[in-house]
N, C-alpha and C. Protein backbone atom coordinates (compact mmCIF):
# COMPACT_ATOMS: atom_id res chain seq x y z
N UNK A 1 22.51 32.61 -72.77
CA UNK A 1 22.36 31.46 -71.93
C UNK A 1 22.58 31.86 -70.48
N UNK A 2 21.55 31.64 -69.77
CA UNK A 2 21.63 31.94 -68.35
C UNK A 2 21.81 30.65 -67.57
N UNK A 3 22.70 30.69 -66.65
CA UNK A 3 22.89 29.51 -65.80
C UNK A 3 22.29 29.79 -64.44
N UNK A 4 21.66 28.81 -63.93
CA UNK A 4 21.08 28.98 -62.61
C UNK A 4 21.96 28.28 -61.59
N UNK A 5 22.16 28.96 -60.55
CA UNK A 5 22.97 28.42 -59.46
C UNK A 5 22.04 28.20 -58.28
N UNK A 6 22.03 27.01 -57.81
CA UNK A 6 21.17 26.69 -56.66
C UNK A 6 21.98 26.82 -55.38
N UNK A 7 21.35 27.38 -54.43
CA UNK A 7 21.98 27.50 -53.12
C UNK A 7 21.91 26.15 -52.41
N UNK A 8 22.92 25.84 -51.65
CA UNK A 8 22.88 24.56 -50.93
C UNK A 8 21.75 24.56 -49.91
N UNK A 9 21.19 23.39 -49.71
CA UNK A 9 20.10 23.26 -48.74
C UNK A 9 20.65 23.44 -47.33
N UNK A 10 19.92 24.14 -46.50
CA UNK A 10 20.39 24.29 -45.12
C UNK A 10 20.24 22.94 -44.38
N UNK A 11 21.21 22.64 -43.61
CA UNK A 11 21.16 21.41 -42.83
C UNK A 11 20.38 21.66 -41.55
N UNK A 12 19.53 20.72 -41.20
CA UNK A 12 18.80 20.92 -39.94
C UNK A 12 19.77 20.78 -38.76
N UNK A 13 19.48 21.53 -37.73
CA UNK A 13 20.35 21.46 -36.55
C UNK A 13 20.03 20.19 -35.78
N UNK A 14 21.00 19.70 -35.05
CA UNK A 14 20.78 18.49 -34.26
C UNK A 14 21.36 17.26 -34.95
N UNK A 15 21.04 16.14 -34.38
CA UNK A 15 21.56 14.88 -34.90
C UNK A 15 20.69 14.42 -36.05
N UNK A 16 21.28 14.24 -37.20
CA UNK A 16 20.53 13.89 -38.40
C UNK A 16 20.41 12.39 -38.61
N UNK A 17 21.16 11.57 -37.86
CA UNK A 17 21.11 10.14 -38.11
C UNK A 17 20.30 9.38 -37.06
N UNK A 18 19.25 9.97 -36.57
CA UNK A 18 18.41 9.27 -35.60
C UNK A 18 17.69 8.10 -36.25
N UNK A 19 17.20 8.29 -37.44
CA UNK A 19 16.50 7.21 -38.13
C UNK A 19 17.40 6.04 -38.41
N UNK A 20 18.59 6.30 -38.89
CA UNK A 20 19.52 5.21 -39.18
C UNK A 20 19.96 4.53 -37.90
N UNK A 21 20.16 5.26 -36.81
CA UNK A 21 20.56 4.66 -35.54
C UNK A 21 19.49 3.74 -34.99
N UNK A 22 18.22 4.13 -35.15
CA UNK A 22 17.14 3.29 -34.64
C UNK A 22 17.06 1.99 -35.43
N UNK A 23 17.25 2.07 -36.74
CA UNK A 23 17.22 0.86 -37.55
C UNK A 23 18.40 -0.02 -37.19
N UNK A 24 19.55 0.56 -37.00
CA UNK A 24 20.74 -0.19 -36.64
C UNK A 24 20.58 -0.85 -35.28
N UNK A 25 19.99 -0.13 -34.33
CA UNK A 25 19.81 -0.70 -33.00
C UNK A 25 18.85 -1.89 -33.03
N UNK A 26 17.75 -1.77 -33.77
CA UNK A 26 16.81 -2.90 -33.82
C UNK A 26 17.42 -4.07 -34.59
N UNK A 27 18.18 -3.77 -35.62
CA UNK A 27 18.86 -4.84 -36.36
C UNK A 27 19.91 -5.50 -35.49
N UNK A 28 20.64 -4.71 -34.72
CA UNK A 28 21.63 -5.27 -33.80
C UNK A 28 21.00 -6.12 -32.71
N UNK A 29 19.84 -5.69 -32.22
CA UNK A 29 19.13 -6.48 -31.22
C UNK A 29 18.67 -7.80 -31.81
N UNK A 30 18.16 -7.76 -33.03
CA UNK A 30 17.72 -8.99 -33.69
C UNK A 30 18.89 -9.94 -33.91
N UNK A 31 20.02 -9.41 -34.32
CA UNK A 31 21.21 -10.24 -34.52
C UNK A 31 21.66 -10.84 -33.19
N UNK A 32 21.67 -10.03 -32.13
CA UNK A 32 22.10 -10.51 -30.81
C UNK A 32 21.17 -11.62 -30.31
N UNK A 33 19.87 -11.42 -30.45
CA UNK A 33 18.92 -12.45 -30.01
C UNK A 33 19.07 -13.72 -30.84
N UNK A 34 19.33 -13.57 -32.13
CA UNK A 34 19.56 -14.73 -32.97
C UNK A 34 20.81 -15.50 -32.55
N UNK A 35 21.88 -14.77 -32.22
CA UNK A 35 23.11 -15.43 -31.79
C UNK A 35 22.92 -16.12 -30.44
N UNK A 36 22.14 -15.52 -29.55
CA UNK A 36 21.86 -16.16 -28.27
C UNK A 36 21.06 -17.44 -28.48
N UNK A 37 20.08 -17.39 -29.37
CA UNK A 37 19.29 -18.59 -29.67
C UNK A 37 20.17 -19.68 -30.26
N UNK A 38 21.11 -19.31 -31.12
CA UNK A 38 22.03 -20.30 -31.70
C UNK A 38 22.92 -20.89 -30.60
N UNK A 39 23.39 -20.07 -29.68
CA UNK A 39 24.27 -20.56 -28.62
C UNK A 39 23.53 -21.52 -27.69
N UNK A 40 22.29 -21.18 -27.32
CA UNK A 40 21.50 -22.07 -26.46
C UNK A 40 21.19 -23.37 -27.20
N UNK A 41 20.86 -23.27 -28.47
CA UNK A 41 20.60 -24.49 -29.26
C UNK A 41 21.85 -25.34 -29.37
N UNK A 42 23.00 -24.71 -29.55
CA UNK A 42 24.25 -25.46 -29.63
C UNK A 42 24.56 -26.16 -28.30
N UNK A 43 24.25 -25.49 -27.18
CA UNK A 43 24.45 -26.13 -25.88
C UNK A 43 23.53 -27.33 -25.72
N UNK A 44 22.28 -27.19 -26.16
CA UNK A 44 21.34 -28.30 -26.05
C UNK A 44 21.77 -29.47 -26.94
N UNK A 45 22.19 -29.18 -28.16
CA UNK A 45 22.65 -30.24 -29.06
C UNK A 45 23.92 -30.88 -28.49
N UNK A 46 24.80 -30.08 -27.93
CA UNK A 46 26.00 -30.63 -27.32
C UNK A 46 25.68 -31.55 -26.16
N UNK A 47 24.66 -31.21 -25.38
CA UNK A 47 24.25 -32.09 -24.29
C UNK A 47 23.72 -33.41 -24.81
N UNK A 48 22.94 -33.36 -25.87
CA UNK A 48 22.37 -34.59 -26.43
C UNK A 48 23.46 -35.45 -27.05
N UNK A 49 24.35 -34.83 -27.82
CA UNK A 49 25.40 -35.59 -28.50
C UNK A 49 26.39 -36.18 -27.50
N UNK A 50 26.71 -35.43 -26.45
CA UNK A 50 27.68 -35.90 -25.47
C UNK A 50 27.08 -36.85 -24.45
N UNK A 51 25.80 -37.15 -24.59
CA UNK A 51 25.17 -38.07 -23.65
C UNK A 51 24.71 -37.40 -22.38
N UNK A 52 24.55 -36.09 -22.42
CA UNK A 52 24.12 -35.37 -21.23
C UNK A 52 22.62 -35.25 -21.14
N UNK A 53 21.90 -36.09 -21.85
CA UNK A 53 20.44 -36.03 -21.76
C UNK A 53 20.00 -36.45 -20.38
N UNK A 54 18.77 -36.20 -20.10
CA UNK A 54 18.26 -36.45 -18.76
C UNK A 54 18.07 -37.95 -18.54
N UNK A 55 18.99 -38.52 -17.77
CA UNK A 55 18.92 -39.91 -17.36
C UNK A 55 19.37 -39.97 -15.92
N UNK A 56 18.73 -40.80 -15.16
CA UNK A 56 19.19 -40.99 -13.79
C UNK A 56 20.20 -42.14 -13.77
N UNK A 57 21.32 -41.87 -13.19
CA UNK A 57 22.36 -42.88 -13.09
C UNK A 57 22.22 -43.60 -11.74
N UNK A 58 22.45 -44.89 -11.72
CA UNK A 58 22.32 -45.60 -10.45
C UNK A 58 23.35 -45.12 -9.44
N UNK A 59 22.89 -44.85 -8.23
CA UNK A 59 23.79 -44.44 -7.17
C UNK A 59 23.96 -42.94 -7.02
N UNK A 60 23.51 -42.16 -8.00
CA UNK A 60 23.63 -40.70 -7.91
C UNK A 60 22.26 -40.10 -7.65
N UNK A 61 22.25 -39.05 -6.87
CA UNK A 61 21.00 -38.35 -6.59
C UNK A 61 20.50 -37.67 -7.86
N UNK A 62 19.20 -37.63 -8.01
CA UNK A 62 18.59 -37.08 -9.23
C UNK A 62 18.08 -35.66 -8.97
N UNK A 63 18.72 -34.65 -9.55
CA UNK A 63 18.25 -33.28 -9.34
C UNK A 63 17.05 -32.90 -10.20
N UNK A 64 16.74 -33.66 -11.20
CA UNK A 64 15.61 -33.37 -12.07
C UNK A 64 16.05 -32.73 -13.38
N UNK A 65 15.15 -32.71 -14.37
CA UNK A 65 15.54 -32.20 -15.69
C UNK A 65 15.79 -30.69 -15.71
N UNK A 66 15.12 -29.94 -14.87
CA UNK A 66 15.32 -28.47 -14.88
C UNK A 66 16.76 -28.15 -14.49
N UNK A 67 17.26 -28.81 -13.47
CA UNK A 67 18.63 -28.57 -13.02
C UNK A 67 19.64 -29.16 -14.00
N UNK A 68 19.36 -30.38 -14.48
CA UNK A 68 20.30 -31.05 -15.38
C UNK A 68 20.50 -30.27 -16.68
N UNK A 69 19.43 -29.74 -17.23
CA UNK A 69 19.54 -28.96 -18.47
C UNK A 69 19.77 -27.48 -18.20
N UNK A 70 19.26 -26.98 -17.09
CA UNK A 70 19.37 -25.55 -16.81
C UNK A 70 20.76 -25.08 -16.47
N UNK A 71 21.54 -25.93 -15.79
CA UNK A 71 22.89 -25.51 -15.38
C UNK A 71 23.80 -25.23 -16.59
N UNK A 72 23.90 -26.12 -17.58
CA UNK A 72 24.76 -25.78 -18.72
C UNK A 72 24.23 -24.63 -19.57
N UNK A 73 22.91 -24.55 -19.72
CA UNK A 73 22.34 -23.45 -20.51
C UNK A 73 22.54 -22.12 -19.81
N UNK A 74 22.40 -22.10 -18.48
CA UNK A 74 22.66 -20.84 -17.76
C UNK A 74 24.13 -20.46 -17.84
N UNK A 75 25.00 -21.45 -17.92
CA UNK A 75 26.43 -21.15 -18.07
C UNK A 75 26.71 -20.46 -19.41
N UNK A 76 26.08 -20.97 -20.48
CA UNK A 76 26.26 -20.36 -21.80
C UNK A 76 25.74 -18.92 -21.79
N UNK A 77 24.56 -18.71 -21.23
CA UNK A 77 23.98 -17.36 -21.20
C UNK A 77 24.80 -16.41 -20.34
N UNK A 78 25.34 -16.91 -19.22
CA UNK A 78 26.19 -16.08 -18.36
C UNK A 78 27.47 -15.68 -19.08
N UNK A 79 28.06 -16.62 -19.79
CA UNK A 79 29.28 -16.31 -20.55
C UNK A 79 29.00 -15.29 -21.66
N UNK A 80 27.86 -15.41 -22.32
CA UNK A 80 27.51 -14.44 -23.37
C UNK A 80 27.34 -13.05 -22.77
N UNK A 81 26.66 -12.96 -21.63
CA UNK A 81 26.47 -11.66 -20.98
C UNK A 81 27.81 -11.06 -20.56
N UNK A 82 28.74 -11.89 -20.10
CA UNK A 82 30.06 -11.40 -19.72
C UNK A 82 30.82 -10.87 -20.92
N UNK A 83 30.76 -11.60 -22.02
CA UNK A 83 31.45 -11.18 -23.24
C UNK A 83 30.87 -9.87 -23.76
N UNK A 84 29.55 -9.74 -23.73
CA UNK A 84 28.91 -8.51 -24.20
C UNK A 84 29.30 -7.33 -23.32
N UNK A 85 29.33 -7.54 -22.00
CA UNK A 85 29.70 -6.46 -21.08
C UNK A 85 31.12 -5.98 -21.33
N UNK A 86 32.05 -6.90 -21.39
CA UNK A 86 33.45 -6.53 -21.60
C UNK A 86 33.64 -5.91 -22.98
N UNK A 87 32.96 -6.44 -23.99
CA UNK A 87 33.07 -5.88 -25.34
C UNK A 87 32.54 -4.46 -25.42
N UNK A 88 31.41 -4.20 -24.77
CA UNK A 88 30.87 -2.84 -24.79
C UNK A 88 31.76 -1.87 -24.03
N UNK A 89 32.34 -2.31 -22.92
CA UNK A 89 33.26 -1.43 -22.19
C UNK A 89 34.52 -1.16 -23.00
N UNK A 90 35.01 -2.17 -23.69
CA UNK A 90 36.16 -1.97 -24.57
C UNK A 90 35.81 -1.01 -25.70
N UNK A 91 34.63 -1.17 -26.25
CA UNK A 91 34.19 -0.28 -27.32
C UNK A 91 34.06 1.16 -26.82
N UNK A 92 33.52 1.33 -25.62
CA UNK A 92 33.32 2.68 -25.08
C UNK A 92 34.63 3.37 -24.76
N UNK A 93 35.62 2.61 -24.27
CA UNK A 93 36.85 3.26 -23.82
C UNK A 93 37.95 3.30 -24.87
N UNK A 94 38.05 2.28 -25.69
CA UNK A 94 39.19 2.21 -26.60
C UNK A 94 38.82 2.38 -28.06
N UNK A 95 37.67 1.90 -28.47
CA UNK A 95 37.34 1.92 -29.89
C UNK A 95 36.53 3.13 -30.33
N UNK A 96 35.71 3.66 -29.44
CA UNK A 96 34.90 4.83 -29.79
C UNK A 96 35.80 6.07 -29.79
N UNK A 97 35.58 6.96 -30.74
CA UNK A 97 36.41 8.17 -30.75
C UNK A 97 36.09 9.04 -29.53
N UNK A 98 37.13 9.55 -28.89
CA UNK A 98 36.89 10.39 -27.71
C UNK A 98 36.77 11.84 -28.14
N UNK A 99 36.03 12.56 -27.35
CA UNK A 99 35.88 13.98 -27.65
C UNK A 99 37.01 14.74 -26.96
N UNK A 100 36.85 16.03 -26.81
CA UNK A 100 37.92 16.87 -26.27
C UNK A 100 38.27 16.47 -24.84
N UNK A 101 39.50 16.58 -24.50
CA UNK A 101 40.03 16.36 -23.16
C UNK A 101 39.81 14.93 -22.65
N UNK A 102 39.70 13.95 -23.54
CA UNK A 102 39.58 12.56 -23.12
C UNK A 102 38.23 12.16 -22.59
N UNK A 103 37.24 13.01 -22.76
CA UNK A 103 35.89 12.68 -22.30
C UNK A 103 35.25 11.75 -23.33
N UNK A 104 34.43 10.81 -22.86
CA UNK A 104 33.77 9.89 -23.78
C UNK A 104 32.91 10.63 -24.78
N UNK A 105 32.92 10.15 -25.99
CA UNK A 105 32.06 10.72 -27.01
C UNK A 105 30.63 10.24 -26.80
N UNK A 106 29.71 10.69 -27.64
CA UNK A 106 28.32 10.27 -27.54
C UNK A 106 28.21 8.77 -27.73
N UNK A 107 28.95 8.23 -28.69
CA UNK A 107 28.93 6.79 -28.94
C UNK A 107 29.49 6.04 -27.73
N UNK A 108 30.54 6.56 -27.14
CA UNK A 108 31.12 5.93 -25.95
C UNK A 108 30.18 5.94 -24.77
N UNK A 109 29.43 7.05 -24.60
CA UNK A 109 28.46 7.11 -23.50
C UNK A 109 27.33 6.12 -23.72
N UNK A 110 26.86 6.00 -24.96
CA UNK A 110 25.81 5.02 -25.27
C UNK A 110 26.31 3.61 -25.00
N UNK A 111 27.55 3.32 -25.40
CA UNK A 111 28.11 1.99 -25.15
C UNK A 111 28.29 1.72 -23.66
N UNK A 112 28.65 2.73 -22.89
CA UNK A 112 28.82 2.52 -21.45
C UNK A 112 27.47 2.28 -20.76
N UNK A 113 26.41 2.93 -21.23
CA UNK A 113 25.08 2.66 -20.67
C UNK A 113 24.63 1.24 -21.04
N UNK A 114 24.89 0.86 -22.27
CA UNK A 114 24.56 -0.52 -22.68
C UNK A 114 25.38 -1.53 -21.89
N UNK A 115 26.63 -1.21 -21.60
CA UNK A 115 27.46 -2.10 -20.80
C UNK A 115 26.92 -2.23 -19.39
N UNK A 116 26.38 -1.16 -18.84
CA UNK A 116 25.79 -1.22 -17.50
C UNK A 116 24.58 -2.16 -17.49
N UNK A 117 23.74 -2.08 -18.53
CA UNK A 117 22.60 -2.99 -18.63
C UNK A 117 23.07 -4.43 -18.80
N UNK A 118 24.07 -4.64 -19.62
CA UNK A 118 24.61 -5.98 -19.83
C UNK A 118 25.21 -6.53 -18.54
N UNK A 119 25.85 -5.67 -17.75
CA UNK A 119 26.43 -6.11 -16.48
C UNK A 119 25.33 -6.51 -15.49
N UNK A 120 24.22 -5.78 -15.50
CA UNK A 120 23.09 -6.16 -14.65
C UNK A 120 22.50 -7.51 -15.04
N UNK A 121 22.39 -7.74 -16.34
CA UNK A 121 21.90 -9.04 -16.82
C UNK A 121 22.89 -10.13 -16.46
N UNK A 122 24.17 -9.83 -16.60
CA UNK A 122 25.21 -10.78 -16.23
C UNK A 122 25.09 -11.16 -14.76
N UNK A 123 24.87 -10.18 -13.89
CA UNK A 123 24.75 -10.45 -12.45
C UNK A 123 23.53 -11.32 -12.15
N UNK A 124 22.40 -11.03 -12.80
CA UNK A 124 21.20 -11.84 -12.57
C UNK A 124 21.39 -13.27 -13.05
N UNK A 125 22.01 -13.43 -14.21
CA UNK A 125 22.27 -14.77 -14.73
C UNK A 125 23.26 -15.53 -13.85
N UNK A 126 24.25 -14.83 -13.31
CA UNK A 126 25.20 -15.48 -12.42
C UNK A 126 24.53 -15.94 -11.12
N UNK A 127 23.58 -15.14 -10.62
CA UNK A 127 22.84 -15.55 -9.42
C UNK A 127 21.98 -16.78 -9.71
N UNK A 128 21.33 -16.81 -10.87
CA UNK A 128 20.53 -17.98 -11.24
C UNK A 128 21.42 -19.20 -11.42
N UNK A 129 22.58 -19.00 -12.01
CA UNK A 129 23.53 -20.10 -12.21
C UNK A 129 24.01 -20.64 -10.86
N UNK A 130 24.18 -19.77 -9.89
CA UNK A 130 24.62 -20.18 -8.56
C UNK A 130 23.65 -21.21 -7.97
N UNK A 131 22.36 -20.92 -8.04
CA UNK A 131 21.37 -21.83 -7.46
C UNK A 131 21.24 -23.11 -8.26
N UNK A 132 21.35 -23.01 -9.58
CA UNK A 132 21.30 -24.23 -10.40
C UNK A 132 22.50 -25.13 -10.12
N UNK A 133 23.68 -24.55 -9.99
CA UNK A 133 24.86 -25.36 -9.69
C UNK A 133 24.81 -25.94 -8.28
N UNK A 134 24.24 -25.18 -7.34
CA UNK A 134 24.07 -25.71 -5.98
C UNK A 134 23.16 -26.94 -6.00
N UNK A 135 22.05 -26.84 -6.72
CA UNK A 135 21.13 -27.97 -6.82
C UNK A 135 21.79 -29.15 -7.53
N UNK A 136 22.61 -28.85 -8.54
CA UNK A 136 23.28 -29.92 -9.29
C UNK A 136 24.30 -30.64 -8.41
N UNK A 137 25.08 -29.89 -7.64
CA UNK A 137 26.10 -30.49 -6.78
C UNK A 137 25.45 -31.29 -5.65
N UNK A 138 24.38 -30.73 -5.06
CA UNK A 138 23.71 -31.44 -3.97
C UNK A 138 22.87 -32.61 -4.48
N UNK A 139 22.50 -32.57 -5.75
CA UNK A 139 21.69 -33.64 -6.30
C UNK A 139 20.24 -33.57 -5.88
N UNK A 140 19.74 -32.34 -5.66
CA UNK A 140 18.36 -32.15 -5.24
C UNK A 140 17.65 -31.28 -6.27
N UNK A 141 16.32 -31.34 -6.33
CA UNK A 141 15.59 -30.43 -7.22
C UNK A 141 15.82 -28.97 -6.82
N UNK A 142 15.55 -28.08 -7.76
CA UNK A 142 15.81 -26.66 -7.55
C UNK A 142 15.05 -26.10 -6.36
N UNK A 143 13.81 -26.53 -6.18
CA UNK A 143 13.02 -26.05 -5.04
C UNK A 143 13.64 -26.40 -3.70
N UNK A 144 14.23 -27.59 -3.61
CA UNK A 144 14.88 -27.99 -2.35
C UNK A 144 16.16 -27.21 -2.12
N UNK A 145 16.86 -26.87 -3.17
CA UNK A 145 18.10 -26.10 -3.03
C UNK A 145 17.81 -24.65 -2.63
N UNK A 146 16.63 -24.14 -2.99
CA UNK A 146 16.28 -22.75 -2.67
C UNK A 146 15.78 -22.58 -1.24
N UNK A 147 15.30 -23.65 -0.62
CA UNK A 147 14.76 -23.54 0.73
C UNK A 147 15.86 -23.89 1.73
N UNK A 148 16.29 -22.94 2.55
CA UNK A 148 17.42 -23.18 3.45
C UNK A 148 17.07 -24.11 4.62
N UNK A 149 15.81 -24.31 4.92
CA UNK A 149 15.43 -25.15 6.05
C UNK A 149 15.64 -26.63 5.79
N UNK A 150 15.85 -27.04 4.58
CA UNK A 150 15.99 -28.45 4.24
C UNK A 150 17.44 -28.90 4.17
N UNK A 151 18.36 -28.16 4.74
CA UNK A 151 19.77 -28.56 4.64
C UNK A 151 20.03 -29.88 5.34
N UNK A 152 19.39 -30.10 6.48
CA UNK A 152 19.60 -31.37 7.17
C UNK A 152 18.99 -32.52 6.38
N UNK A 153 17.88 -32.25 5.73
CA UNK A 153 17.27 -33.30 4.93
C UNK A 153 18.18 -33.71 3.77
N UNK A 154 18.86 -32.75 3.19
CA UNK A 154 19.78 -33.05 2.09
C UNK A 154 20.92 -33.92 2.59
N UNK A 155 21.44 -33.60 3.78
CA UNK A 155 22.52 -34.42 4.34
C UNK A 155 22.02 -35.84 4.63
N UNK A 156 20.82 -35.94 5.19
CA UNK A 156 20.27 -37.26 5.48
C UNK A 156 20.04 -38.05 4.20
N UNK A 157 19.56 -37.37 3.15
CA UNK A 157 19.33 -38.06 1.88
C UNK A 157 20.64 -38.56 1.29
N UNK A 158 21.70 -37.74 1.39
CA UNK A 158 22.97 -38.18 0.83
C UNK A 158 23.54 -39.35 1.64
N UNK A 159 23.34 -39.34 2.96
CA UNK A 159 23.78 -40.49 3.78
C UNK A 159 22.98 -41.73 3.42
N UNK A 160 21.68 -41.53 3.19
CA UNK A 160 20.83 -42.65 2.83
C UNK A 160 21.26 -43.25 1.49
N UNK A 161 21.58 -42.36 0.52
CA UNK A 161 22.05 -42.85 -0.78
C UNK A 161 23.37 -43.60 -0.64
N UNK A 162 24.26 -43.10 0.23
CA UNK A 162 25.55 -43.76 0.42
C UNK A 162 25.38 -45.10 1.12
N UNK A 163 24.44 -45.18 2.06
CA UNK A 163 24.25 -46.45 2.77
C UNK A 163 23.57 -47.50 1.87
N UNK A 164 22.74 -47.07 0.94
CA UNK A 164 22.09 -48.04 0.05
C UNK A 164 23.07 -48.57 -1.00
N UNK A 165 24.11 -47.80 -1.30
CA UNK A 165 25.10 -48.25 -2.28
C UNK A 165 26.05 -49.28 -1.68
N UNK A 166 26.40 -49.06 -0.40
CA UNK A 166 27.44 -49.91 0.18
C UNK A 166 26.94 -51.08 0.86
């Protein structure tokens, strides 16, 4: 009886889990987009249930439906981007295994690059939220809040609204 001994297969050099990482990344993106859709839907349902639907109240300036609905939804999206940024930075620095001499590992570097992208999205959403909140506070449509030449008109409109009430 002869026994055959098989030699172990040689492992290819390089990173062998590229295929699994790509599937995980696309699955993670799909999960993230699904959670964002759920959060925006929850904000919209919360607005409807709490009576925040688009109605003009007597005596208050009407900023329009884009501002009325856009301000809370932009707040939700800005908060999500902030949470993702801080979570990825925490993952890169504390949760990912570090390599020699305290240098970030490959996973940590990938997380820090993703955190940089998330921080950029956070900054853009915060800028959009700034203009939506400005329009909401002034009680003017978004286009009027974006044009700096109409500041006197906004003051005159608010005086006119105050004089019609009293």
